[in-house]
């Protein structure tokens, strides 16, 4: 099933290639968004979230002074209730490969839960010894989010300007994993998202300023 027209994908990809990020409001159909929200609630009740760590598989450590979120890694073979979401991710990969020549092959996604008073300090989503994360993707699940709740995504632009993005329900943010420093500001209310990366293997050069 195709959720978006070719013209819509092209508009998003054009902005991503021009600015290194794109923000899309009301991204998913309401029914599909509700399915993701219900899945998140179920996983929260099952107490499957683990404290997020920093580093790579060979050097992972919990660092509450850097990040305070809890995560649940998704597995398409197990979390089949999210199959339509995985199909959209694969569609996104296909469009980026077609129009940007990025050679994206895979993806990795998790549910992210930020309790009150937590944050994630400035960083980029790329590792020196693991450089296959190309595009970062965030879908926010925070219904009735209000000014003062905090938890904004702050994007640091190349020109020195800063962009503050409120984590509103069904807002999608995509950005260049290697080129966009960002942080999650302190949240004053439990903050939820579906977060992940589009991966390339082998490394290749596209026109998204990689």
N, C-alpha and C. Protein backbone atom coordinates (compact mmCIF):
# COMPACT_ATOMS: atom_id res chain seq x y z
N UNK A 1 0.84 -1.19 0.00
CA UNK A 1 0.00 0.00 0.00
C UNK A 1 0.88 1.25 0.00
N UNK A 2 0.54 2.23 -0.84
CA UNK A 2 1.27 3.48 -0.91
C UNK A 2 0.49 4.56 -0.18
N UNK A 3 1.13 5.23 0.78
CA UNK A 3 0.46 6.23 1.59
C UNK A 3 0.63 7.65 1.03
N UNK A 4 1.69 7.87 0.24
CA UNK A 4 2.00 9.22 -0.21
C UNK A 4 2.26 9.24 -1.71
N UNK A 5 1.92 10.35 -2.33
CA UNK A 5 2.14 10.49 -3.77
C UNK A 5 3.62 10.72 -4.07
N UNK A 6 3.97 10.51 -5.34
CA UNK A 6 5.34 10.76 -5.77
C UNK A 6 5.70 12.24 -5.59
N UNK A 7 4.74 13.12 -5.87
CA UNK A 7 4.97 14.55 -5.72
C UNK A 7 5.26 14.93 -4.28
N UNK A 8 4.57 14.28 -3.34
CA UNK A 8 4.80 14.57 -1.92
C UNK A 8 6.18 14.11 -1.49
N UNK A 9 6.56 12.91 -1.91
CA UNK A 9 7.90 12.44 -1.58
C UNK A 9 8.96 13.37 -2.15
N UNK A 10 8.77 13.81 -3.38
CA UNK A 10 9.75 14.69 -4.02
C UNK A 10 9.88 16.01 -3.27
N UNK A 11 8.77 16.56 -2.80
CA UNK A 11 8.82 17.82 -2.05
C UNK A 11 9.61 17.64 -0.76
N UNK A 12 9.38 16.54 -0.05
CA UNK A 12 10.11 16.29 1.19
C UNK A 12 11.59 16.06 0.93
N UNK A 13 11.89 15.29 -0.09
CA UNK A 13 13.28 14.99 -0.42
C UNK A 13 14.02 16.25 -0.87
N UNK A 14 13.35 17.11 -1.62
CA UNK A 14 13.97 18.37 -2.04
C UNK A 14 14.38 19.21 -0.83
N UNK A 15 13.49 19.30 0.16
CA UNK A 15 13.82 20.08 1.35
C UNK A 15 14.93 19.43 2.15
N UNK A 16 14.89 18.11 2.25
CA UNK A 16 15.95 17.40 2.96
C UNK A 16 17.30 17.62 2.31
N UNK A 17 17.35 17.57 1.00
CA UNK A 17 18.63 17.75 0.30
C UNK A 17 19.10 19.20 0.36
N UNK A 18 18.16 20.15 0.42
CA UNK A 18 18.52 21.56 0.46
C UNK A 18 18.96 22.01 1.86
N UNK A 19 18.23 21.60 2.88
CA UNK A 19 18.45 22.10 4.24
C UNK A 19 19.10 21.10 5.19
N UNK A 20 19.22 19.85 4.76
CA UNK A 20 19.71 18.76 5.60
C UNK A 20 18.67 18.29 6.62
N UNK A 21 17.48 18.85 6.59
CA UNK A 21 16.40 18.38 7.46
C UNK A 21 15.06 18.71 6.80
N UNK A 22 14.03 18.00 7.22
CA UNK A 22 12.67 18.29 6.77
C UNK A 22 11.72 17.97 7.93
N UNK A 23 10.69 18.79 8.08
CA UNK A 23 9.69 18.61 9.13
C UNK A 23 8.33 18.46 8.47
N UNK A 24 7.61 17.41 8.84
CA UNK A 24 6.31 17.13 8.23
C UNK A 24 5.28 16.97 9.34
N UNK A 25 4.26 17.81 9.35
CA UNK A 25 3.18 17.70 10.33
C UNK A 25 2.07 16.79 9.81
N UNK A 26 1.35 16.16 10.75
CA UNK A 26 0.25 15.26 10.39
C UNK A 26 0.72 14.23 9.37
N UNK A 27 1.82 13.58 9.67
CA UNK A 27 2.48 12.69 8.71
C UNK A 27 1.65 11.45 8.39
N UNK A 28 1.20 10.75 9.41
CA UNK A 28 0.51 9.48 9.20
C UNK A 28 -1.00 9.63 9.19
N UNK A 29 -1.69 8.74 8.50
CA UNK A 29 -3.15 8.69 8.65
C UNK A 29 -3.51 8.45 10.11
N UNK A 30 -4.64 8.99 10.54
CA UNK A 30 -5.00 8.94 11.96
C UNK A 30 -5.07 7.51 12.49
N UNK A 31 -5.61 6.60 11.70
CA UNK A 31 -5.74 5.21 12.16
C UNK A 31 -4.37 4.60 12.44
N UNK A 32 -3.42 4.83 11.55
CA UNK A 32 -2.08 4.26 11.72
C UNK A 32 -1.37 4.91 12.90
N UNK A 33 -1.53 6.21 13.07
CA UNK A 33 -0.93 6.88 14.22
C UNK A 33 -1.48 6.30 15.53
N UNK A 34 -2.77 6.05 15.59
CA UNK A 34 -3.38 5.47 16.78
C UNK A 34 -2.84 4.07 17.06
N UNK A 35 -2.54 3.32 16.00
CA UNK A 35 -1.97 1.99 16.18
C UNK A 35 -0.59 2.06 16.83
N UNK A 36 0.23 3.01 16.38
CA UNK A 36 1.56 3.18 16.97
C UNK A 36 1.44 3.62 18.42
N UNK A 37 0.54 4.55 18.68
CA UNK A 37 0.33 5.03 20.04
C UNK A 37 -0.09 3.89 20.96
N UNK A 38 -1.01 3.05 20.50
CA UNK A 38 -1.48 1.92 21.30
C UNK A 38 -0.35 0.92 21.54
N UNK A 39 0.48 0.72 20.53
CA UNK A 39 1.62 -0.19 20.67
C UNK A 39 2.58 0.33 21.72
N UNK A 40 2.84 1.63 21.71
CA UNK A 40 3.73 2.24 22.71
C UNK A 40 3.16 2.04 24.11
N UNK A 41 1.87 2.26 24.28
CA UNK A 41 1.24 2.09 25.58
C UNK A 41 1.38 0.64 26.06
N UNK A 42 1.18 -0.30 25.15
CA UNK A 42 1.30 -1.72 25.50
C UNK A 42 2.72 -2.05 25.95
N UNK A 43 3.71 -1.59 25.22
CA UNK A 43 5.10 -1.88 25.57
C UNK A 43 5.50 -1.20 26.88
N UNK A 44 4.94 -0.04 27.14
CA UNK A 44 5.21 0.62 28.42
C UNK A 44 4.67 -0.23 29.57
N UNK A 45 3.46 -0.76 29.40
CA UNK A 45 2.85 -1.60 30.44
C UNK A 45 3.63 -2.90 30.64
N UNK A 46 4.26 -3.38 29.56
CA UNK A 46 5.04 -4.62 29.66
C UNK A 46 6.41 -4.39 30.28
N UNK A 47 6.76 -3.14 30.52
CA UNK A 47 8.02 -2.78 31.18
C UNK A 47 9.24 -3.34 30.42
N UNK A 48 9.24 -3.12 29.10
CA UNK A 48 10.33 -3.63 28.26
C UNK A 48 11.39 -2.58 27.94
N UNK A 49 11.16 -1.35 28.35
CA UNK A 49 12.11 -0.28 28.04
C UNK A 49 13.38 -0.41 28.89
N UNK A 50 14.52 -0.17 28.25
CA UNK A 50 15.81 -0.24 28.92
C UNK A 50 16.50 1.12 28.87
N UNK A 51 17.30 1.41 29.88
CA UNK A 51 18.02 2.68 29.93
C UNK A 51 18.93 2.81 28.72
N UNK A 52 18.80 3.90 28.00
CA UNK A 52 19.63 4.11 26.82
C UNK A 52 21.08 4.32 27.21
N UNK A 53 21.98 3.90 26.32
CA UNK A 53 23.41 4.04 26.55
C UNK A 53 24.03 4.87 25.43
N UNK A 54 25.26 5.27 25.62
CA UNK A 54 26.01 5.96 24.58
C UNK A 54 27.18 5.09 24.16
N UNK A 55 27.70 5.36 22.95
CA UNK A 55 28.80 4.57 22.43
C UNK A 55 28.31 3.54 21.43
N UNK A 56 29.19 2.61 21.07
CA UNK A 56 28.85 1.53 20.15
C UNK A 56 28.86 0.21 20.89
N UNK A 57 28.60 -0.86 20.17
CA UNK A 57 28.48 -2.18 20.81
C UNK A 57 29.71 -2.59 21.59
N UNK A 58 30.86 -2.09 21.20
CA UNK A 58 32.10 -2.47 21.87
C UNK A 58 32.40 -1.59 23.08
N UNK A 59 31.67 -0.49 23.22
CA UNK A 59 31.96 0.43 24.33
C UNK A 59 30.70 1.17 24.73
N UNK A 60 29.71 0.43 25.23
CA UNK A 60 28.45 1.03 25.66
C UNK A 60 28.48 1.38 27.14
N UNK A 61 27.91 2.53 27.47
CA UNK A 61 27.86 2.93 28.87
C UNK A 61 26.65 3.80 29.12
N UNK A 62 26.07 3.69 30.31
CA UNK A 62 24.98 4.56 30.72
C UNK A 62 25.58 5.88 31.18
N UNK A 63 25.06 6.98 30.67
CA UNK A 63 25.60 8.30 30.99
C UNK A 63 24.44 9.27 31.24
N UNK A 64 23.86 9.25 32.44
CA UNK A 64 22.69 10.09 32.72
C UNK A 64 22.96 11.58 32.62
N UNK A 65 24.22 11.99 32.66
CA UNK A 65 24.55 13.40 32.50
C UNK A 65 24.52 13.82 31.03
N UNK A 66 24.41 12.83 30.11
CA UNK A 66 24.36 13.10 28.67
C UNK A 66 22.98 12.81 28.10
N UNK A 67 22.42 11.66 28.47
CA UNK A 67 21.08 11.31 27.97
C UNK A 67 20.31 10.55 29.05
N UNK A 68 18.98 10.77 29.05
CA UNK A 68 18.19 10.16 30.11
C UNK A 68 17.02 9.34 29.62
N UNK A 69 17.00 9.00 28.33
CA UNK A 69 15.85 8.28 27.78
C UNK A 69 15.95 6.78 28.00
N UNK A 70 14.80 6.14 27.83
CA UNK A 70 14.69 4.68 27.86
C UNK A 70 14.19 4.23 26.50
N UNK A 71 14.66 3.07 26.03
CA UNK A 71 14.33 2.67 24.67
C UNK A 71 13.89 1.20 24.60
N UNK A 72 13.14 0.92 23.55
CA UNK A 72 12.77 -0.45 23.20
C UNK A 72 13.06 -0.61 21.71
N UNK A 73 14.03 -1.48 21.38
CA UNK A 73 14.39 -1.70 19.98
C UNK A 73 13.31 -2.51 19.29
N UNK A 74 12.94 -2.09 18.08
CA UNK A 74 11.91 -2.75 17.31
C UNK A 74 12.50 -3.82 16.40
N UNK A 75 11.75 -4.90 16.23
CA UNK A 75 12.14 -6.00 15.36
C UNK A 75 10.97 -6.27 14.41
N UNK A 76 11.13 -5.99 13.11
CA UNK A 76 10.01 -6.21 12.18
C UNK A 76 9.47 -7.63 12.18
N UNK A 77 10.32 -8.60 12.51
CA UNK A 77 9.87 -9.99 12.53
C UNK A 77 9.05 -10.32 13.78
N UNK A 78 9.20 -9.50 14.81
CA UNK A 78 8.50 -9.74 16.08
C UNK A 78 7.35 -8.76 16.27
N UNK A 79 7.60 -7.49 16.01
CA UNK A 79 6.61 -6.44 16.25
C UNK A 79 5.73 -6.26 15.02
N UNK A 80 5.01 -7.32 14.67
CA UNK A 80 4.28 -7.35 13.40
C UNK A 80 3.09 -6.39 13.39
N UNK A 81 2.64 -5.94 14.55
CA UNK A 81 1.53 -4.97 14.56
C UNK A 81 1.96 -3.63 13.96
N UNK A 82 3.27 -3.42 13.83
CA UNK A 82 3.79 -2.20 13.23
C UNK A 82 4.23 -2.41 11.78
N UNK A 83 3.80 -3.51 11.18
CA UNK A 83 4.19 -3.79 9.80
C UNK A 83 3.89 -2.64 8.84
N UNK A 84 2.73 -1.97 8.92
CA UNK A 84 2.50 -0.82 8.03
C UNK A 84 3.54 0.29 8.20
N UNK A 85 4.01 0.48 9.42
CA UNK A 85 5.04 1.49 9.67
C UNK A 85 6.35 1.09 8.99
N UNK A 86 6.72 -0.17 9.12
CA UNK A 86 7.94 -0.64 8.47
C UNK A 86 7.82 -0.53 6.94
N UNK A 87 6.62 -0.73 6.42
CA UNK A 87 6.42 -0.59 4.98
C UNK A 87 6.66 0.86 4.53
N UNK A 88 6.22 1.82 5.34
CA UNK A 88 6.46 3.23 5.02
C UNK A 88 7.95 3.55 5.07
N UNK A 89 8.64 2.99 6.05
CA UNK A 89 10.09 3.19 6.14
C UNK A 89 10.78 2.64 4.90
N UNK A 90 10.36 1.46 4.47
CA UNK A 90 10.95 0.87 3.26
C UNK A 90 10.62 1.72 2.02
N UNK A 91 9.42 2.28 2.00
CA UNK A 91 9.06 3.17 0.89
C UNK A 91 9.95 4.40 0.88
N UNK A 92 10.22 4.94 2.06
CA UNK A 92 11.10 6.10 2.17
C UNK A 92 12.50 5.75 1.66
N UNK A 93 13.00 4.59 2.02
CA UNK A 93 14.31 4.15 1.56
C UNK A 93 14.32 4.06 0.03
N UNK A 94 13.26 3.49 -0.53
CA UNK A 94 13.20 3.34 -1.99
C UNK A 94 13.21 4.69 -2.68
N UNK A 95 12.48 5.67 -2.14
CA UNK A 95 12.42 7.00 -2.77
C UNK A 95 13.76 7.71 -2.66
N UNK A 96 14.40 7.63 -1.51
CA UNK A 96 15.70 8.28 -1.33
C UNK A 96 16.76 7.64 -2.24
N UNK A 97 16.70 6.33 -2.38
CA UNK A 97 17.64 5.67 -3.27
C UNK A 97 17.41 6.07 -4.72
N UNK A 98 16.15 6.20 -5.10
CA UNK A 98 15.82 6.54 -6.48
C UNK A 98 16.26 7.95 -6.85
N UNK A 99 15.99 8.90 -5.95
CA UNK A 99 16.21 10.30 -6.28
C UNK A 99 17.53 10.87 -5.76
N UNK A 100 18.13 10.19 -4.79
CA UNK A 100 19.35 10.74 -4.20
C UNK A 100 20.56 9.81 -4.34
N UNK A 101 20.35 8.60 -4.86
CA UNK A 101 21.46 7.67 -5.09
C UNK A 101 22.22 7.38 -3.79
N UNK A 102 21.49 7.09 -2.71
CA UNK A 102 22.12 6.93 -1.41
C UNK A 102 22.51 5.49 -1.08
N UNK A 103 22.02 4.50 -1.82
CA UNK A 103 22.31 3.09 -1.55
C UNK A 103 21.92 2.67 -0.14
N UNK A 104 20.79 3.16 0.33
CA UNK A 104 20.28 2.73 1.63
C UNK A 104 19.82 1.28 1.52
N UNK A 105 20.15 0.49 2.55
CA UNK A 105 19.85 -0.94 2.51
C UNK A 105 18.95 -1.39 3.65
N UNK A 106 19.13 -0.79 4.82
CA UNK A 106 18.47 -1.30 6.01
C UNK A 106 17.97 -0.14 6.86
N UNK A 107 17.36 -0.50 8.00
CA UNK A 107 16.94 0.51 8.97
C UNK A 107 16.98 -0.10 10.36
N UNK A 108 17.06 0.78 11.35
CA UNK A 108 16.96 0.36 12.75
C UNK A 108 16.16 1.42 13.50
N UNK A 109 15.16 0.96 14.25
CA UNK A 109 14.26 1.87 14.93
C UNK A 109 13.98 1.40 16.35
N UNK A 110 13.69 2.35 17.23
CA UNK A 110 13.27 2.03 18.58
C UNK A 110 12.19 2.99 19.05
N UNK A 111 11.50 2.61 20.09
CA UNK A 111 10.62 3.52 20.80
C UNK A 111 11.47 4.24 21.84
N UNK A 112 11.28 5.53 21.98
CA UNK A 112 12.06 6.33 22.92
C UNK A 112 11.12 6.98 23.95
N UNK A 113 11.46 6.79 25.21
CA UNK A 113 10.67 7.33 26.31
C UNK A 113 11.55 8.20 27.19
N UNK A 114 11.21 9.49 27.27
CA UNK A 114 11.94 10.42 28.12
C UNK A 114 11.08 10.74 29.34
N UNK A 115 11.45 10.28 30.53
CA UNK A 115 10.72 10.68 31.74
C UNK A 115 10.91 12.18 32.01
N UNK A 116 10.11 12.71 32.89
CA UNK A 116 10.25 14.11 33.27
C UNK A 116 11.66 14.42 33.74
N UNK A 117 12.15 15.60 33.39
CA UNK A 117 13.45 16.14 33.79
C UNK A 117 14.63 15.45 33.11
N UNK A 118 14.36 14.74 32.02
CA UNK A 118 15.47 14.12 31.28
C UNK A 118 15.73 14.89 29.99
N UNK A 119 16.82 14.55 29.32
CA UNK A 119 17.30 15.31 28.16
C UNK A 119 18.30 14.46 27.41
N UNK A 120 18.80 14.99 26.29
CA UNK A 120 19.90 14.37 25.56
C UNK A 120 20.74 15.52 25.02
N UNK A 121 21.96 15.64 25.54
CA UNK A 121 22.82 16.76 25.18
C UNK A 121 23.22 16.72 23.70
N UNK A 122 23.75 17.83 23.25
CA UNK A 122 24.10 18.00 21.84
C UNK A 122 24.99 16.86 21.34
N UNK A 123 24.65 16.36 20.13
CA UNK A 123 25.39 15.25 19.55
C UNK A 123 25.02 15.14 18.07
N UNK A 124 25.70 14.25 17.35
CA UNK A 124 25.28 13.85 16.02
C UNK A 124 25.04 12.35 16.05
N UNK A 125 24.23 11.87 15.11
CA UNK A 125 23.84 10.45 15.10
C UNK A 125 24.79 9.62 14.25
N UNK A 126 26.06 9.84 14.39
CA UNK A 126 27.04 9.14 13.58
C UNK A 126 28.22 8.78 14.47
N UNK A 127 28.75 7.57 14.29
CA UNK A 127 29.90 7.11 15.06
C UNK A 127 31.14 7.07 14.19
N UNK A 128 32.28 7.37 14.77
CA UNK A 128 33.53 7.34 14.01
C UNK A 128 33.84 5.95 13.50
N UNK A 129 33.53 4.91 14.31
CA UNK A 129 33.85 3.55 13.90
C UNK A 129 32.62 2.78 13.41
N UNK A 130 31.52 3.51 13.20
CA UNK A 130 30.34 2.91 12.59
C UNK A 130 29.57 4.01 11.88
N UNK A 131 29.84 4.17 10.59
CA UNK A 131 29.38 5.37 9.89
C UNK A 131 28.24 5.09 8.91
N UNK A 132 27.42 4.05 9.17
CA UNK A 132 26.40 3.72 8.18
C UNK A 132 25.03 4.32 8.48
N UNK A 133 24.91 5.13 9.52
CA UNK A 133 23.67 5.85 9.74
C UNK A 133 23.67 7.09 8.83
N UNK A 134 22.71 7.14 7.91
CA UNK A 134 22.70 8.24 6.96
C UNK A 134 21.58 9.24 7.23
N UNK A 135 20.36 8.76 7.44
CA UNK A 135 19.22 9.62 7.66
C UNK A 135 18.57 9.28 9.01
N UNK A 136 18.43 10.27 9.87
CA UNK A 136 17.74 10.10 11.14
C UNK A 136 16.26 10.42 10.96
N UNK A 137 15.41 9.64 11.62
CA UNK A 137 13.96 9.78 11.48
C UNK A 137 13.32 9.78 12.86
N UNK A 138 12.48 10.76 13.13
CA UNK A 138 11.77 10.84 14.40
C UNK A 138 10.29 11.10 14.12
N UNK A 139 9.44 10.29 14.73
CA UNK A 139 7.99 10.54 14.69
C UNK A 139 7.53 10.73 16.13
N UNK A 140 7.01 11.90 16.43
CA UNK A 140 6.59 12.20 17.81
C UNK A 140 5.19 11.66 18.09
N UNK A 141 4.98 11.22 19.33
CA UNK A 141 3.73 10.58 19.73
C UNK A 141 3.09 11.30 20.91
N UNK A 142 3.39 12.58 21.07
CA UNK A 142 2.97 13.32 22.26
C UNK A 142 1.67 14.10 22.03
N UNK A 143 0.57 13.50 22.42
CA UNK A 143 -0.72 14.15 22.26
C UNK A 143 -0.89 15.27 23.29
N UNK A 144 -1.54 16.35 22.86
CA UNK A 144 -1.84 17.48 23.75
C UNK A 144 -0.58 18.13 24.32
N UNK A 145 0.50 18.14 23.53
CA UNK A 145 1.74 18.78 23.98
C UNK A 145 1.57 20.29 23.97
N UNK A 146 1.97 20.94 25.06
CA UNK A 146 1.73 22.37 25.23
C UNK A 146 3.04 23.13 25.45
N UNK A 147 3.07 24.43 25.13
CA UNK A 147 4.24 25.24 25.49
C UNK A 147 4.52 25.12 26.99
N UNK A 148 5.76 24.96 27.33
CA UNK A 148 6.12 24.77 28.73
C UNK A 148 6.37 23.32 29.10
N UNK A 149 5.95 22.41 28.25
CA UNK A 149 6.22 20.99 28.52
C UNK A 149 7.67 20.63 28.24
N UNK A 150 8.36 21.49 27.47
CA UNK A 150 9.77 21.24 27.19
C UNK A 150 9.95 20.11 26.18
N UNK A 151 11.11 19.44 26.25
CA UNK A 151 11.38 18.30 25.39
C UNK A 151 11.56 18.63 23.93
N UNK A 152 11.83 19.91 23.61
CA UNK A 152 11.99 20.28 22.20
C UNK A 152 13.27 19.68 21.61
N UNK A 153 13.23 19.47 20.32
CA UNK A 153 14.42 19.11 19.56
C UNK A 153 15.07 20.40 19.09
N UNK A 154 16.33 20.61 19.44
CA UNK A 154 17.07 21.78 18.97
C UNK A 154 18.04 21.33 17.90
N UNK A 155 17.89 21.91 16.71
CA UNK A 155 18.76 21.62 15.58
C UNK A 155 19.73 22.78 15.38
N UNK A 156 21.01 22.45 15.25
CA UNK A 156 22.04 23.46 15.03
C UNK A 156 22.38 23.50 13.54
N UNK A 157 22.09 24.62 12.89
CA UNK A 157 22.31 24.76 11.46
C UNK A 157 23.75 25.13 11.14
N UNK A 158 24.12 24.93 9.87
CA UNK A 158 25.48 25.25 9.43
C UNK A 158 25.79 26.74 9.56
N UNK A 159 24.78 27.60 9.42
CA UNK A 159 24.99 29.05 9.46
C UNK A 159 25.02 29.61 10.87
N UNK A 160 24.99 28.75 11.87
CA UNK A 160 25.04 29.19 13.26
C UNK A 160 23.68 29.41 13.89
N UNK A 161 22.63 29.37 13.10
CA UNK A 161 21.29 29.53 13.65
C UNK A 161 20.83 28.24 14.32
N UNK A 162 19.85 28.38 15.20
CA UNK A 162 19.28 27.23 15.91
C UNK A 162 17.79 27.16 15.60
N UNK A 163 17.32 25.94 15.39
CA UNK A 163 15.90 25.70 15.13
C UNK A 163 15.35 24.84 16.27
N UNK A 164 14.30 25.32 16.92
CA UNK A 164 13.68 24.58 18.02
C UNK A 164 12.37 23.98 17.53
N UNK A 165 12.27 22.65 17.63
CA UNK A 165 11.12 21.92 17.09
C UNK A 165 10.33 21.31 18.25
N UNK A 166 9.08 21.68 18.37
CA UNK A 166 8.23 21.10 19.41
C UNK A 166 7.86 19.67 19.03
N UNK A 167 7.88 18.75 20.02
CA UNK A 167 7.62 17.32 19.74
C UNK A 167 6.13 17.01 19.68
N UNK A 168 5.44 17.60 18.71
CA UNK A 168 4.00 17.47 18.61
C UNK A 168 3.59 16.13 18.01
N UNK A 169 2.45 15.64 18.42
CA UNK A 169 1.95 14.35 17.95
C UNK A 169 1.86 14.31 16.43
N UNK A 170 2.36 13.21 15.86
CA UNK A 170 2.32 12.94 14.43
C UNK A 170 3.17 13.92 13.61
N UNK A 171 4.13 14.55 14.25
CA UNK A 171 5.12 15.38 13.54
C UNK A 171 6.34 14.52 13.23
N UNK A 172 6.72 14.50 11.98
CA UNK A 172 7.89 13.75 11.53
C UNK A 172 9.05 14.70 11.29
N UNK A 173 10.24 14.30 11.75
CA UNK A 173 11.47 15.04 11.47
C UNK A 173 12.48 14.07 10.86
N UNK A 174 13.04 14.43 9.72
CA UNK A 174 14.14 13.66 9.13
C UNK A 174 15.32 14.59 8.92
N UNK A 175 16.53 14.10 9.19
CA UNK A 175 17.71 14.92 8.95
C UNK A 175 18.93 14.07 8.68
N UNK A 176 19.93 14.74 8.15
CA UNK A 176 21.19 14.10 7.81
C UNK A 176 21.92 13.70 9.10
N UNK A 177 22.13 12.41 9.28
CA UNK A 177 22.68 11.91 10.54
C UNK A 177 24.08 12.42 10.84
N UNK A 178 24.89 12.61 9.80
CA UNK A 178 26.28 13.00 9.99
C UNK A 178 26.49 14.50 10.02
N UNK A 179 25.50 15.29 9.55
CA UNK A 179 25.71 16.71 9.34
C UNK A 179 24.86 17.61 10.24
N UNK A 180 23.98 17.04 11.04
CA UNK A 180 23.05 17.87 11.82
C UNK A 180 23.24 17.64 13.32
N UNK A 181 24.03 18.49 13.98
CA UNK A 181 24.09 18.42 15.45
C UNK A 181 22.72 18.79 16.02
N UNK A 182 22.35 18.13 17.12
CA UNK A 182 21.04 18.38 17.70
C UNK A 182 21.04 17.93 19.16
N UNK A 183 20.02 18.34 19.88
CA UNK A 183 19.86 17.90 21.26
C UNK A 183 18.38 17.88 21.62
N UNK A 184 18.06 17.14 22.68
CA UNK A 184 16.71 17.14 23.24
C UNK A 184 16.76 17.95 24.52
N UNK A 185 16.00 19.03 24.55
CA UNK A 185 15.97 19.88 25.74
C UNK A 185 15.22 19.20 26.88
N UNK A 186 15.45 19.67 28.07
CA UNK A 186 14.83 19.07 29.26
C UNK A 186 13.32 19.02 29.09
N UNK A 187 12.76 17.84 29.33
CA UNK A 187 11.32 17.69 29.23
C UNK A 187 10.68 17.76 30.61
N UNK A 188 9.53 18.40 30.67
CA UNK A 188 8.81 18.53 31.94
C UNK A 188 7.56 17.67 31.97
N UNK A 189 7.48 16.80 30.98
CA UNK A 189 6.38 15.85 30.88
C UNK A 189 6.92 14.64 30.13
N UNK A 190 6.41 13.45 30.41
CA UNK A 190 6.87 12.27 29.71
C UNK A 190 6.77 12.47 28.20
N UNK A 191 7.86 12.23 27.51
CA UNK A 191 7.98 12.52 26.07
C UNK A 191 8.21 11.22 25.32
N UNK A 192 7.46 11.02 24.24
CA UNK A 192 7.52 9.74 23.53
C UNK A 192 7.76 9.95 22.03
N UNK A 193 8.47 9.01 21.44
CA UNK A 193 8.70 9.08 19.99
C UNK A 193 9.06 7.71 19.45
N UNK A 194 8.89 7.59 18.14
CA UNK A 194 9.44 6.49 17.36
C UNK A 194 10.66 7.06 16.66
N UNK A 195 11.83 6.50 16.92
CA UNK A 195 13.08 7.10 16.46
C UNK A 195 13.95 6.04 15.79
N UNK A 196 14.61 6.42 14.70
CA UNK A 196 15.48 5.45 14.06
C UNK A 196 16.34 6.05 12.98
N UNK A 197 16.99 5.16 12.23
CA UNK A 197 17.97 5.56 11.22
C UNK A 197 17.84 4.71 9.98
N UNK A 198 18.03 5.35 8.85
CA UNK A 198 18.13 4.65 7.57
C UNK A 198 19.61 4.42 7.32
N UNK A 199 19.97 3.19 7.00
CA UNK A 199 21.37 2.76 6.96
C UNK A 199 21.82 2.44 5.55
N UNK A 200 23.09 2.70 5.28
CA UNK A 200 23.63 2.34 3.98
C UNK A 200 24.78 1.36 4.13
N UNK A 201 24.82 0.39 3.21
CA UNK A 201 25.89 -0.60 3.12
C UNK A 201 26.02 -0.98 1.66
N UNK A 202 27.19 -0.85 1.06
CA UNK A 202 28.37 -0.22 1.62
C UNK A 202 28.26 1.29 1.59
N UNK A 203 29.27 1.97 2.13
CA UNK A 203 29.30 3.42 2.12
C UNK A 203 29.30 3.92 0.67
N UNK A 204 28.54 5.00 0.44
CA UNK A 204 28.49 5.57 -0.89
C UNK A 204 28.31 7.07 -0.77
N UNK A 205 28.40 7.76 -1.86
CA UNK A 205 28.25 9.22 -1.86
C UNK A 205 26.99 9.60 -2.63
N UNK A 206 26.10 10.31 -1.96
CA UNK A 206 24.92 10.84 -2.63
C UNK A 206 25.04 12.34 -2.69
N UNK A 207 23.94 13.05 -2.94
CA UNK A 207 24.04 14.51 -3.04
C UNK A 207 23.45 15.20 -1.82
N UNK A 208 23.26 14.46 -0.70
CA UNK A 208 22.75 15.09 0.51
C UNK A 208 23.89 15.61 1.39
N UNK A 209 24.97 16.01 0.76
CA UNK A 209 26.10 16.62 1.48
C UNK A 209 26.72 15.66 2.49
N UNK A 210 26.68 14.38 2.21
CA UNK A 210 27.24 13.39 3.14
C UNK A 210 28.77 13.49 3.13
